[in-house]
């Protein structure tokens, strides 16, 4: 069995298994208290607002996104908005019939598949047809990593499904964008970086 920290490092190897974090969903509002709409004009405003917000505020970084950021920095990809945009093309397409009830509430404290009922594991495996195969892992370890991915995906899915108002493409990936923005000095270039990041995610989701 892998530790949860080892599992996060394994998931960080492939952007298809990067996990979003919706701990911070702050969005700008107009003078009437309404969210800035997801329109062409709203997008321009939002990108400027988001750039300033991430530049001058601290935001929470999920433990499972830490190895992603470390990997991007090691490969010197943190300063490339388009590569960071690959983040948006991941777990949104992995959730089918989410079932958080099958997991113990403290599952990540001891992420052992044996803690889950056998019949639930059978249902879990049948959900995906062919289970993902992570490099260098045996069948039981592959199952464990997939369960960890599924568990966090469902948690985040439930958070975002309760949101009211526009759901912008950067939400879930702000920790990555903030790190990327720190590599850019000019304010106008920072805004362009933010735009490219969001547009890349949108383009990937539209394919």
N, C-alpha and C. Protein backbone atom coordinates (compact mmCIF):
# COMPACT_ATOMS: atom_id res chain seq x y z
N UNK A 1 0.82 -1.20 0.00
CA UNK A 1 0.00 0.00 0.00
C UNK A 1 0.87 1.26 0.00
N UNK A 2 0.38 2.28 -0.67
CA UNK A 2 1.07 3.56 -0.72
C UNK A 2 0.52 4.50 0.37
N UNK A 3 1.37 5.39 0.84
CA UNK A 3 0.87 6.44 1.72
C UNK A 3 0.10 7.44 0.88
N UNK A 4 -0.70 8.27 1.52
CA UNK A 4 -1.47 9.25 0.76
C UNK A 4 -0.54 10.25 0.07
N UNK A 5 0.59 10.57 0.70
CA UNK A 5 1.57 11.48 0.08
C UNK A 5 2.16 10.85 -1.18
N UNK A 6 2.46 9.56 -1.12
CA UNK A 6 2.97 8.85 -2.30
C UNK A 6 1.92 8.82 -3.40
N UNK A 7 0.67 8.66 -2.99
CA UNK A 7 -0.43 8.63 -3.97
C UNK A 7 -0.54 9.96 -4.70
N UNK A 8 -0.40 11.06 -3.96
CA UNK A 8 -0.50 12.38 -4.58
C UNK A 8 0.64 12.60 -5.58
N UNK A 9 1.82 12.10 -5.27
CA UNK A 9 2.96 12.21 -6.18
C UNK A 9 2.73 11.39 -7.45
N UNK A 10 2.10 10.23 -7.30
CA UNK A 10 1.80 9.39 -8.46
C UNK A 10 0.76 10.07 -9.35
N UNK A 11 -0.27 10.64 -8.75
CA UNK A 11 -1.30 11.34 -9.53
C UNK A 11 -0.73 12.56 -10.24
N UNK A 12 0.28 13.17 -9.66
CA UNK A 12 0.87 14.39 -10.25
C UNK A 12 1.67 14.09 -11.51
N UNK A 13 1.98 12.83 -11.76
CA UNK A 13 2.77 12.48 -12.95
C UNK A 13 2.04 12.79 -14.26
N UNK A 14 0.70 12.74 -14.22
CA UNK A 14 -0.09 12.83 -15.45
C UNK A 14 -1.19 13.87 -15.25
N UNK A 15 -1.23 14.88 -16.12
CA UNK A 15 -2.21 15.96 -15.95
C UNK A 15 -3.64 15.46 -16.04
N UNK A 16 -3.88 14.30 -16.62
CA UNK A 16 -5.23 13.75 -16.67
C UNK A 16 -5.72 13.34 -15.28
N UNK A 17 -4.80 13.23 -14.34
CA UNK A 17 -5.17 12.85 -12.99
C UNK A 17 -4.84 13.94 -11.98
N UNK A 18 -4.75 15.18 -12.46
CA UNK A 18 -4.62 16.31 -11.54
C UNK A 18 -6.00 16.59 -10.96
N UNK A 19 -6.01 16.91 -9.68
CA UNK A 19 -7.26 17.12 -8.97
C UNK A 19 -7.50 18.60 -8.68
N UNK A 20 -8.71 19.09 -8.95
CA UNK A 20 -9.03 20.49 -8.65
C UNK A 20 -9.28 20.70 -7.16
N UNK A 21 -9.23 21.93 -6.73
CA UNK A 21 -9.54 22.28 -5.34
C UNK A 21 -10.43 23.51 -5.34
N UNK A 22 -11.62 23.36 -4.81
CA UNK A 22 -12.58 24.47 -4.77
C UNK A 22 -12.70 25.05 -3.36
N UNK A 23 -11.54 25.12 -2.67
CA UNK A 23 -11.53 25.75 -1.34
C UNK A 23 -11.71 27.26 -1.46
N UNK A 24 -11.32 27.83 -2.59
CA UNK A 24 -11.47 29.27 -2.80
C UNK A 24 -12.28 29.50 -4.06
N UNK A 25 -13.49 30.02 -3.89
CA UNK A 25 -14.36 30.27 -5.05
C UNK A 25 -14.81 31.74 -5.08
N UNK A 26 -13.99 32.62 -4.52
CA UNK A 26 -14.31 34.05 -4.52
C UNK A 26 -14.43 34.55 -5.95
N UNK A 27 -15.49 35.32 -6.22
CA UNK A 27 -15.72 35.88 -7.56
C UNK A 27 -16.14 37.34 -7.42
N UNK A 28 -15.81 38.17 -8.41
CA UNK A 28 -16.15 39.58 -8.32
C UNK A 28 -17.64 39.85 -8.54
N UNK A 29 -18.12 40.92 -7.89
CA UNK A 29 -19.52 41.32 -8.04
C UNK A 29 -19.57 42.77 -8.49
N UNK A 30 -20.68 43.14 -9.11
CA UNK A 30 -20.86 44.54 -9.50
C UNK A 30 -21.42 45.33 -8.33
N UNK A 31 -21.72 46.62 -8.54
CA UNK A 31 -22.18 47.48 -7.45
C UNK A 31 -23.53 47.05 -6.89
N UNK A 32 -24.27 46.29 -7.68
CA UNK A 32 -25.58 45.83 -7.22
C UNK A 32 -25.49 44.52 -6.45
N UNK A 33 -24.27 43.98 -6.35
CA UNK A 33 -24.09 42.74 -5.62
C UNK A 33 -24.27 41.49 -6.44
N UNK A 34 -24.37 41.66 -7.78
CA UNK A 34 -24.50 40.51 -8.67
C UNK A 34 -23.12 40.09 -9.19
N UNK A 35 -22.96 38.78 -9.39
CA UNK A 35 -21.70 38.31 -9.93
C UNK A 35 -21.47 38.86 -11.33
N UNK A 36 -20.21 39.18 -11.63
CA UNK A 36 -19.84 39.59 -12.99
C UNK A 36 -20.15 38.42 -13.92
N UNK A 37 -20.94 38.64 -14.98
CA UNK A 37 -21.38 37.52 -15.84
C UNK A 37 -20.25 36.96 -16.70
N UNK A 38 -20.42 35.72 -17.07
CA UNK A 38 -19.46 35.05 -17.97
C UNK A 38 -19.81 35.44 -19.40
N UNK A 39 -19.40 36.65 -19.77
CA UNK A 39 -19.64 37.20 -21.11
C UNK A 39 -18.31 37.73 -21.63
N UNK A 40 -18.30 38.24 -22.86
CA UNK A 40 -17.06 38.76 -23.42
C UNK A 40 -16.54 39.94 -22.59
N UNK A 41 -17.44 40.86 -22.25
CA UNK A 41 -17.05 42.00 -21.43
C UNK A 41 -16.71 41.56 -20.01
N UNK A 42 -17.50 40.62 -19.49
CA UNK A 42 -17.26 40.11 -18.15
C UNK A 42 -15.93 39.39 -18.04
N UNK A 43 -15.56 38.70 -19.11
CA UNK A 43 -14.29 37.97 -19.13
C UNK A 43 -13.11 38.92 -18.99
N UNK A 44 -13.16 40.04 -19.69
CA UNK A 44 -12.08 41.02 -19.61
C UNK A 44 -11.94 41.55 -18.18
N UNK A 45 -13.08 41.88 -17.59
CA UNK A 45 -13.07 42.39 -16.21
C UNK A 45 -12.55 41.30 -15.25
N UNK A 46 -13.07 40.10 -15.44
CA UNK A 46 -12.72 39.00 -14.53
C UNK A 46 -11.23 38.71 -14.56
N UNK A 47 -10.62 38.71 -15.73
CA UNK A 47 -9.19 38.40 -15.84
C UNK A 47 -8.35 39.45 -15.11
N UNK A 48 -8.73 40.71 -15.22
CA UNK A 48 -8.00 41.76 -14.50
C UNK A 48 -8.21 41.63 -13.00
N UNK A 49 -9.45 41.36 -12.60
CA UNK A 49 -9.74 41.18 -11.18
C UNK A 49 -8.98 39.99 -10.62
N UNK A 50 -9.03 38.85 -11.32
CA UNK A 50 -8.40 37.63 -10.84
C UNK A 50 -6.88 37.80 -10.72
N UNK A 51 -6.29 38.47 -11.69
CA UNK A 51 -4.85 38.70 -11.65
C UNK A 51 -4.46 39.49 -10.40
N UNK A 52 -5.19 40.55 -10.12
CA UNK A 52 -4.92 41.34 -8.91
C UNK A 52 -5.20 40.52 -7.65
N UNK A 53 -6.28 39.80 -7.67
CA UNK A 53 -6.67 39.01 -6.49
C UNK A 53 -5.60 37.98 -6.12
N UNK A 54 -5.10 37.25 -7.13
CA UNK A 54 -4.09 36.23 -6.86
C UNK A 54 -2.72 36.83 -6.57
N UNK A 55 -2.47 38.01 -7.11
CA UNK A 55 -1.19 38.67 -6.88
C UNK A 55 -1.06 39.18 -5.45
N UNK A 56 -2.15 39.68 -4.91
CA UNK A 56 -2.08 40.38 -3.62
C UNK A 56 -2.74 39.62 -2.46
N UNK A 57 -3.21 38.42 -2.70
CA UNK A 57 -3.85 37.65 -1.63
C UNK A 57 -3.26 36.24 -1.55
N UNK A 58 -3.23 35.72 -0.34
CA UNK A 58 -2.83 34.33 -0.16
C UNK A 58 -4.07 33.45 -0.35
N UNK A 59 -3.87 32.25 -0.89
CA UNK A 59 -4.99 31.33 -1.09
C UNK A 59 -4.57 29.95 -0.59
N UNK A 60 -5.53 29.13 -0.19
CA UNK A 60 -5.18 27.79 0.29
C UNK A 60 -4.65 26.92 -0.84
N UNK A 61 -3.68 26.07 -0.52
CA UNK A 61 -3.15 25.12 -1.50
C UNK A 61 -3.44 23.72 -0.99
N UNK A 62 -4.24 22.97 -1.73
CA UNK A 62 -4.58 21.61 -1.32
C UNK A 62 -3.31 20.75 -1.32
N UNK A 63 -3.22 19.84 -0.36
CA UNK A 63 -2.02 19.00 -0.25
C UNK A 63 -1.77 18.19 -1.51
N UNK A 64 -2.83 17.81 -2.21
CA UNK A 64 -2.65 17.01 -3.41
C UNK A 64 -2.21 17.84 -4.62
N UNK A 65 -2.30 19.18 -4.51
CA UNK A 65 -1.81 20.02 -5.60
C UNK A 65 -0.35 20.44 -5.39
N UNK A 66 0.17 20.25 -4.19
CA UNK A 66 1.57 20.61 -3.91
C UNK A 66 2.54 19.87 -4.83
N UNK A 67 2.42 18.53 -4.99
CA UNK A 67 3.36 17.84 -5.89
C UNK A 67 3.19 18.23 -7.36
N UNK A 68 2.00 18.68 -7.74
CA UNK A 68 1.79 19.16 -9.11
C UNK A 68 2.62 20.42 -9.33
N UNK A 69 2.53 21.34 -8.39
CA UNK A 69 3.29 22.59 -8.49
C UNK A 69 4.79 22.32 -8.48
N UNK A 70 5.23 21.41 -7.61
CA UNK A 70 6.65 21.06 -7.56
C UNK A 70 7.12 20.48 -8.89
N UNK A 71 6.29 19.66 -9.48
CA UNK A 71 6.63 19.03 -10.77
C UNK A 71 6.72 20.08 -11.87
N UNK A 72 5.78 21.01 -11.88
CA UNK A 72 5.78 22.07 -12.90
C UNK A 72 7.01 22.96 -12.76
N UNK A 73 7.40 23.22 -11.52
CA UNK A 73 8.58 24.04 -11.29
C UNK A 73 9.85 23.30 -11.70
N UNK A 74 9.93 22.03 -11.37
CA UNK A 74 11.11 21.23 -11.70
C UNK A 74 11.31 21.15 -13.20
N UNK A 75 10.21 21.05 -13.95
CA UNK A 75 10.28 20.96 -15.40
C UNK A 75 10.32 22.34 -16.06
N UNK A 76 10.33 23.38 -15.23
CA UNK A 76 10.35 24.76 -15.70
C UNK A 76 9.16 25.06 -16.61
N UNK A 77 8.01 24.51 -16.22
CA UNK A 77 6.77 24.71 -16.97
C UNK A 77 5.80 25.64 -16.25
N UNK A 78 6.18 26.07 -15.05
CA UNK A 78 5.28 26.89 -14.24
C UNK A 78 5.03 28.26 -14.88
N UNK A 79 5.95 28.70 -15.75
CA UNK A 79 5.82 30.01 -16.38
C UNK A 79 5.11 29.94 -17.74
N UNK A 80 4.55 28.78 -18.08
CA UNK A 80 3.87 28.60 -19.36
C UNK A 80 2.37 28.44 -19.11
N UNK A 81 1.61 29.48 -19.43
CA UNK A 81 0.17 29.48 -19.14
C UNK A 81 -0.57 28.36 -19.86
N UNK A 82 -0.11 28.00 -21.06
CA UNK A 82 -0.80 26.98 -21.84
C UNK A 82 -0.59 25.58 -21.25
N UNK A 83 0.63 25.32 -20.73
CA UNK A 83 0.88 24.04 -20.09
C UNK A 83 0.10 23.94 -18.78
N UNK A 84 0.03 25.05 -18.05
CA UNK A 84 -0.75 25.05 -16.82
C UNK A 84 -2.22 24.80 -17.12
N UNK A 85 -2.66 25.27 -18.28
CA UNK A 85 -4.06 25.10 -18.67
C UNK A 85 -4.48 23.66 -18.83
N UNK A 86 -3.50 22.75 -18.98
CA UNK A 86 -3.83 21.33 -19.06
C UNK A 86 -4.51 20.84 -17.80
N UNK A 87 -4.34 21.60 -16.72
CA UNK A 87 -4.95 21.22 -15.45
C UNK A 87 -6.45 21.06 -15.58
N UNK A 88 -7.07 21.92 -16.36
CA UNK A 88 -8.52 21.90 -16.47
C UNK A 88 -9.08 20.71 -17.20
N UNK A 89 -8.21 19.92 -17.81
CA UNK A 89 -8.67 18.77 -18.59
C UNK A 89 -8.38 17.50 -17.80
N UNK A 90 -9.15 17.28 -16.73
CA UNK A 90 -8.84 16.14 -15.88
C UNK A 90 -10.08 15.56 -15.25
N UNK A 91 -10.19 15.67 -13.92
CA UNK A 91 -11.16 14.87 -13.19
C UNK A 91 -12.62 15.19 -13.50
N UNK A 92 -12.91 16.31 -14.15
CA UNK A 92 -14.29 16.60 -14.50
C UNK A 92 -14.88 15.48 -15.38
N UNK A 93 -14.03 14.76 -16.07
CA UNK A 93 -14.49 13.74 -17.01
C UNK A 93 -14.36 12.34 -16.43
N UNK A 94 -14.11 12.26 -15.14
CA UNK A 94 -13.83 10.98 -14.53
C UNK A 94 -14.93 10.52 -13.59
N UNK A 95 -15.84 11.41 -13.24
CA UNK A 95 -16.84 11.09 -12.23
C UNK A 95 -18.11 10.54 -12.88
N UNK A 96 -18.47 9.32 -12.48
CA UNK A 96 -19.72 8.72 -12.94
C UNK A 96 -20.45 8.17 -11.72
N UNK A 97 -21.70 8.53 -11.55
CA UNK A 97 -22.48 8.05 -10.42
C UNK A 97 -21.70 8.18 -9.11
N UNK A 98 -21.34 9.39 -8.71
CA UNK A 98 -20.51 9.56 -7.52
C UNK A 98 -21.14 8.95 -6.27
N UNK A 99 -20.35 8.22 -5.53
CA UNK A 99 -20.84 7.55 -4.32
C UNK A 99 -19.85 7.75 -3.19
N UNK A 100 -20.01 8.85 -2.48
CA UNK A 100 -19.11 9.16 -1.37
C UNK A 100 -19.42 8.30 -0.15
N UNK A 101 -20.64 7.76 -0.09
CA UNK A 101 -21.06 6.99 1.08
C UNK A 101 -20.28 5.69 1.24
N UNK A 102 -19.70 5.20 0.17
CA UNK A 102 -18.98 3.93 0.29
C UNK A 102 -17.64 4.08 1.02
N UNK A 103 -17.19 5.33 1.16
CA UNK A 103 -15.90 5.58 1.81
C UNK A 103 -16.07 5.88 3.30
N UNK A 104 -15.14 5.38 4.14
CA UNK A 104 -15.10 5.84 5.53
C UNK A 104 -14.83 7.34 5.55
N UNK A 105 -15.37 8.06 6.53
CA UNK A 105 -15.21 9.51 6.58
C UNK A 105 -13.75 9.94 6.67
N UNK A 106 -12.93 9.11 7.29
CA UNK A 106 -11.50 9.42 7.43
C UNK A 106 -10.67 8.57 6.47
N UNK A 107 -11.19 8.34 5.28
CA UNK A 107 -10.54 7.43 4.33
C UNK A 107 -9.09 7.81 4.05
N UNK A 108 -8.79 9.09 3.90
CA UNK A 108 -7.43 9.50 3.56
C UNK A 108 -6.46 9.30 4.71
N UNK A 109 -6.96 9.13 5.92
CA UNK A 109 -6.07 8.84 7.05
C UNK A 109 -5.47 7.44 6.93
N UNK A 110 -6.21 6.56 6.28
CA UNK A 110 -5.74 5.19 6.03
C UNK A 110 -6.39 4.71 4.74
N UNK A 111 -5.85 5.14 3.58
CA UNK A 111 -6.50 4.84 2.30
C UNK A 111 -6.27 3.40 1.81
N UNK A 112 -6.79 2.46 2.57
CA UNK A 112 -6.64 1.05 2.25
C UNK A 112 -7.93 0.53 1.64
N UNK A 113 -7.87 -0.07 0.45
CA UNK A 113 -9.09 -0.59 -0.19
C UNK A 113 -9.84 -1.58 0.69
N UNK A 114 -9.14 -2.27 1.61
CA UNK A 114 -9.78 -3.24 2.48
C UNK A 114 -10.77 -2.60 3.45
N UNK A 115 -10.72 -1.30 3.58
CA UNK A 115 -11.65 -0.59 4.46
C UNK A 115 -13.01 -0.38 3.79
N UNK A 116 -13.08 -0.72 2.51
CA UNK A 116 -14.32 -0.54 1.75
C UNK A 116 -14.95 -1.90 1.50
N UNK A 117 -16.25 -2.00 1.61
CA UNK A 117 -16.95 -3.27 1.43
C UNK A 117 -16.69 -3.84 0.04
N UNK A 118 -16.54 -5.18 -0.02
CA UNK A 118 -16.20 -5.86 -1.27
C UNK A 118 -17.20 -5.56 -2.38
N UNK A 119 -18.50 -5.53 -2.03
CA UNK A 119 -19.52 -5.27 -3.05
C UNK A 119 -19.42 -3.86 -3.61
N UNK A 120 -18.98 -2.92 -2.77
CA UNK A 120 -18.79 -1.54 -3.24
C UNK A 120 -17.60 -1.45 -4.17
N UNK A 121 -16.55 -2.22 -3.90
CA UNK A 121 -15.37 -2.23 -4.77
C UNK A 121 -15.72 -2.80 -6.15
N UNK A 122 -16.57 -3.81 -6.17
CA UNK A 122 -17.01 -4.39 -7.44
C UNK A 122 -17.77 -3.36 -8.26
N UNK A 123 -18.67 -2.61 -7.60
CA UNK A 123 -19.42 -1.55 -8.28
C UNK A 123 -18.48 -0.45 -8.78
N UNK A 124 -17.50 -0.13 -7.94
CA UNK A 124 -16.53 0.91 -8.30
C UNK A 124 -15.77 0.52 -9.57
N UNK A 125 -15.27 -0.70 -9.62
CA UNK A 125 -14.50 -1.14 -10.77
C UNK A 125 -15.36 -1.22 -12.03
N UNK A 126 -16.63 -1.60 -11.87
CA UNK A 126 -17.53 -1.70 -13.02
C UNK A 126 -17.90 -0.34 -13.58
N UNK A 127 -17.77 0.72 -12.77
CA UNK A 127 -18.11 2.08 -13.21
C UNK A 127 -17.21 2.53 -14.36
N UNK A 128 -15.97 2.09 -14.33
CA UNK A 128 -14.99 2.63 -15.26
C UNK A 128 -14.62 1.68 -16.40
N UNK A 129 -15.18 0.48 -16.38
CA UNK A 129 -14.79 -0.48 -17.41
C UNK A 129 -13.37 -0.93 -17.14
N UNK A 130 -12.44 -0.37 -17.86
CA UNK A 130 -11.04 -0.70 -17.64
C UNK A 130 -10.44 0.32 -16.68
N UNK A 131 -9.97 -0.13 -15.55
CA UNK A 131 -9.41 0.76 -14.53
C UNK A 131 -8.12 1.39 -15.02
N UNK A 132 -7.84 2.62 -14.60
CA UNK A 132 -6.56 3.25 -14.96
C UNK A 132 -5.39 2.42 -14.45
N UNK A 133 -4.29 2.42 -15.20
CA UNK A 133 -3.09 1.70 -14.78
C UNK A 133 -1.97 2.70 -14.61
N UNK A 134 -1.53 2.86 -13.37
CA UNK A 134 -0.46 3.79 -13.07
C UNK A 134 0.88 3.07 -13.13
N UNK A 135 1.83 3.71 -13.72
CA UNK A 135 3.14 3.12 -13.99
C UNK A 135 3.82 2.59 -12.72
N UNK A 136 4.30 1.33 -12.79
CA UNK A 136 5.09 0.75 -11.71
C UNK A 136 4.31 0.27 -10.51
N UNK A 137 2.98 0.15 -10.63
CA UNK A 137 2.16 -0.28 -9.51
C UNK A 137 1.51 -1.63 -9.79
N UNK A 138 1.31 -2.41 -8.73
CA UNK A 138 0.59 -3.66 -8.90
C UNK A 138 -0.92 -3.39 -8.89
N UNK A 139 -1.71 -4.43 -9.08
CA UNK A 139 -3.16 -4.26 -9.23
C UNK A 139 -3.80 -3.63 -8.00
N UNK A 140 -3.38 -4.06 -6.81
CA UNK A 140 -3.98 -3.52 -5.59
C UNK A 140 -3.60 -2.06 -5.37
N UNK A 141 -2.36 -1.70 -5.72
CA UNK A 141 -1.93 -0.32 -5.60
C UNK A 141 -2.65 0.56 -6.61
N UNK A 142 -2.85 0.04 -7.82
CA UNK A 142 -3.61 0.78 -8.83
C UNK A 142 -5.03 1.07 -8.34
N UNK A 143 -5.64 0.07 -7.72
CA UNK A 143 -6.98 0.24 -7.17
C UNK A 143 -6.96 1.32 -6.09
N UNK A 144 -5.96 1.27 -5.22
CA UNK A 144 -5.87 2.24 -4.14
C UNK A 144 -5.74 3.67 -4.67
N UNK A 145 -4.86 3.88 -5.65
CA UNK A 145 -4.67 5.22 -6.21
C UNK A 145 -5.95 5.71 -6.88
N UNK A 146 -6.64 4.81 -7.57
CA UNK A 146 -7.90 5.17 -8.23
C UNK A 146 -8.97 5.55 -7.20
N UNK A 147 -8.98 4.86 -6.09
CA UNK A 147 -9.95 5.17 -5.03
C UNK A 147 -9.67 6.54 -4.42
N UNK A 148 -8.40 6.84 -4.20
CA UNK A 148 -8.03 8.15 -3.65
C UNK A 148 -8.45 9.25 -4.61
N UNK A 149 -8.17 9.04 -5.90
CA UNK A 149 -8.54 10.01 -6.92
C UNK A 149 -10.06 10.21 -6.93
N UNK A 150 -10.79 9.10 -6.89
CA UNK A 150 -12.25 9.15 -6.92
C UNK A 150 -12.80 9.86 -5.69
N UNK A 151 -12.26 9.54 -4.53
CA UNK A 151 -12.72 10.12 -3.27
C UNK A 151 -12.60 11.64 -3.28
N UNK A 152 -11.44 12.15 -3.68
CA UNK A 152 -11.24 13.60 -3.71
C UNK A 152 -12.06 14.24 -4.83
N UNK A 153 -12.14 13.57 -5.97
CA UNK A 153 -12.94 14.08 -7.08
C UNK A 153 -14.39 14.31 -6.67
N UNK A 154 -14.96 13.33 -5.98
CA UNK A 154 -16.35 13.44 -5.55
C UNK A 154 -16.52 14.58 -4.55
N UNK A 155 -15.58 14.71 -3.61
CA UNK A 155 -15.64 15.81 -2.65
C UNK A 155 -15.67 17.16 -3.36
N UNK A 156 -14.77 17.32 -4.32
CA UNK A 156 -14.69 18.60 -5.04
C UNK A 156 -15.90 18.81 -5.94
N UNK A 157 -16.38 17.74 -6.56
CA UNK A 157 -17.58 17.81 -7.40
C UNK A 157 -18.78 18.30 -6.60
N UNK A 158 -18.91 17.79 -5.37
CA UNK A 158 -20.03 18.20 -4.52
C UNK A 158 -19.91 19.67 -4.13
N UNK A 159 -18.69 20.13 -3.91
CA UNK A 159 -18.48 21.54 -3.58
C UNK A 159 -18.90 22.45 -4.73
N UNK A 160 -18.42 22.13 -5.93
CA UNK A 160 -18.69 23.00 -7.07
C UNK A 160 -20.14 22.91 -7.52
N UNK A 161 -20.78 21.78 -7.30
CA UNK A 161 -22.18 21.62 -7.72
C UNK A 161 -23.13 22.47 -6.88
N UNK A 162 -22.67 22.93 -5.72
CA UNK A 162 -23.50 23.76 -4.84
C UNK A 162 -23.30 25.25 -5.09
N UNK A 163 -22.37 25.60 -5.97
CA UNK A 163 -22.07 27.01 -6.20
C UNK A 163 -23.19 27.71 -6.95
N UNK A 164 -23.44 28.94 -6.57
CA UNK A 164 -24.39 29.78 -7.28
C UNK A 164 -23.61 30.82 -8.07
N UNK A 165 -24.06 31.09 -9.29
CA UNK A 165 -23.37 32.08 -10.12
C UNK A 165 -22.42 31.44 -11.11
N UNK A 166 -21.70 32.25 -11.88
CA UNK A 166 -20.81 31.73 -12.92
C UNK A 166 -19.67 30.89 -12.34
N UNK A 167 -19.37 29.80 -13.01
CA UNK A 167 -18.26 28.94 -12.61
C UNK A 167 -17.16 29.11 -13.65
N UNK A 168 -16.15 29.90 -13.30
CA UNK A 168 -15.07 30.21 -14.23
C UNK A 168 -14.07 29.06 -14.31
N UNK A 169 -13.41 28.95 -15.46
CA UNK A 169 -12.52 27.82 -15.72
C UNK A 169 -11.33 27.73 -14.78
N UNK A 170 -10.91 28.85 -14.23
CA UNK A 170 -9.74 28.83 -13.35
C UNK A 170 -10.07 28.26 -11.98
N UNK A 171 -11.34 28.27 -11.60
CA UNK A 171 -11.72 27.82 -10.27
C UNK A 171 -11.38 26.34 -10.13
N UNK A 172 -10.67 26.03 -9.12
CA UNK A 172 -10.17 24.68 -8.94
C UNK A 172 -8.66 24.62 -9.15
N UNK A 173 -8.14 25.62 -9.88
CA UNK A 173 -6.72 25.60 -10.26
C UNK A 173 -6.00 26.90 -9.90
N UNK A 174 -6.55 27.64 -8.96
CA UNK A 174 -5.99 28.96 -8.65
C UNK A 174 -4.59 28.88 -8.03
N UNK A 175 -4.32 27.82 -7.29
CA UNK A 175 -2.98 27.68 -6.69
C UNK A 175 -1.92 27.57 -7.78
N UNK A 176 -2.24 26.86 -8.87
CA UNK A 176 -1.31 26.73 -9.99
C UNK A 176 -1.14 28.06 -10.70
N UNK A 177 -2.26 28.75 -10.94
CA UNK A 177 -2.21 30.03 -11.64
C UNK A 177 -1.43 31.06 -10.82
N UNK A 178 -1.64 31.07 -9.52
CA UNK A 178 -0.92 32.02 -8.66
C UNK A 178 0.59 31.80 -8.77
N UNK A 179 1.03 30.55 -8.75
CA UNK A 179 2.46 30.24 -8.89
C UNK A 179 2.97 30.71 -10.24
N UNK A 180 2.17 30.50 -11.28
CA UNK A 180 2.59 30.94 -12.61
C UNK A 180 2.70 32.45 -12.71
N UNK A 181 1.76 33.15 -12.11
CA UNK A 181 1.77 34.62 -12.16
C UNK A 181 2.99 35.20 -11.46
N UNK A 182 3.52 34.49 -10.49
CA UNK A 182 4.69 34.98 -9.77
C UNK A 182 5.95 35.00 -10.64
N UNK A 183 5.89 34.33 -11.79
CA UNK A 183 7.04 34.32 -12.70
C UNK A 183 6.98 35.47 -13.70
N UNK A 184 5.89 36.25 -13.66
CA UNK A 184 5.68 37.36 -14.60
C UNK A 184 5.78 38.68 -13.83
N UNK A 185 6.53 39.64 -14.36
CA UNK A 185 6.73 40.91 -13.66
C UNK A 185 5.76 42.00 -14.09
N UNK A 186 5.59 42.19 -15.38
CA UNK A 186 4.76 43.28 -15.88
C UNK A 186 3.27 42.99 -15.64
N UNK A 187 2.53 44.00 -15.15
CA UNK A 187 1.12 43.81 -14.82
C UNK A 187 0.30 43.42 -16.04
N UNK A 188 0.52 44.07 -17.17
CA UNK A 188 -0.23 43.74 -18.38
C UNK A 188 0.06 42.31 -18.83
N UNK A 189 1.31 41.90 -18.68
CA UNK A 189 1.68 40.53 -19.04
C UNK A 189 1.05 39.52 -18.10
N UNK A 190 0.87 39.92 -16.85
CA UNK A 190 0.21 39.05 -15.88
C UNK A 190 -1.24 38.80 -16.30
N UNK A 191 -1.91 39.87 -16.74
CA UNK A 191 -3.31 39.73 -17.17
C UNK A 191 -3.37 38.83 -18.41
N UNK A 192 -2.43 38.99 -19.33
CA UNK A 192 -2.39 38.13 -20.53
C UNK A 192 -2.18 36.67 -20.13
N UNK A 193 -1.32 36.46 -19.13
CA UNK A 193 -1.04 35.11 -18.63
C UNK A 193 -2.34 34.48 -18.11
N UNK A 194 -3.09 35.25 -17.34
CA UNK A 194 -4.36 34.77 -16.80
C UNK A 194 -5.34 34.43 -17.92
N UNK A 195 -5.42 35.30 -18.92
CA UNK A 195 -6.31 35.06 -20.06
C UNK A 195 -5.93 33.77 -20.79
N UNK A 196 -4.64 33.61 -21.06
CA UNK A 196 -4.19 32.42 -21.78
C UNK A 196 -4.49 31.15 -20.99
N UNK A 197 -4.32 31.23 -19.69
CA UNK A 197 -4.59 30.09 -18.81
C UNK A 197 -6.05 29.67 -18.89
N UNK A 198 -6.94 30.64 -18.74
CA UNK A 198 -8.38 30.35 -18.77
C UNK A 198 -8.82 29.91 -20.17
N UNK A 199 -8.32 30.57 -21.19
CA UNK A 199 -8.70 30.22 -22.57
C UNK A 199 -8.24 28.82 -22.94
N UNK A 200 -7.06 28.42 -22.44
CA UNK A 200 -6.56 27.08 -22.74
C UNK A 200 -7.46 26.02 -22.11
N UNK A 201 -7.87 26.24 -20.87
CA UNK A 201 -8.78 25.31 -20.23
C UNK A 201 -10.10 25.23 -20.99
N UNK A 202 -10.63 26.37 -21.37
CA UNK A 202 -11.90 26.41 -22.10
C UNK A 202 -11.80 25.70 -23.44
N UNK A 203 -10.67 25.92 -24.14
CA UNK A 203 -10.46 25.27 -25.43
C UNK A 203 -10.39 23.75 -25.27
N UNK A 204 -9.68 23.28 -24.27
CA UNK A 204 -9.56 21.84 -24.04
C UNK A 204 -10.91 21.23 -23.69
N UNK A 205 -11.67 21.95 -22.88
CA UNK A 205 -12.99 21.43 -22.50
C UNK A 205 -13.95 21.42 -23.68
N UNK A 206 -13.70 22.27 -24.67
CA UNK A 206 -14.60 22.36 -25.83
C UNK A 206 -14.29 21.33 -26.90
N UNK A 207 -13.17 20.61 -26.76
CA UNK A 207 -12.79 19.63 -27.79
C UNK A 207 -13.50 18.31 -27.58
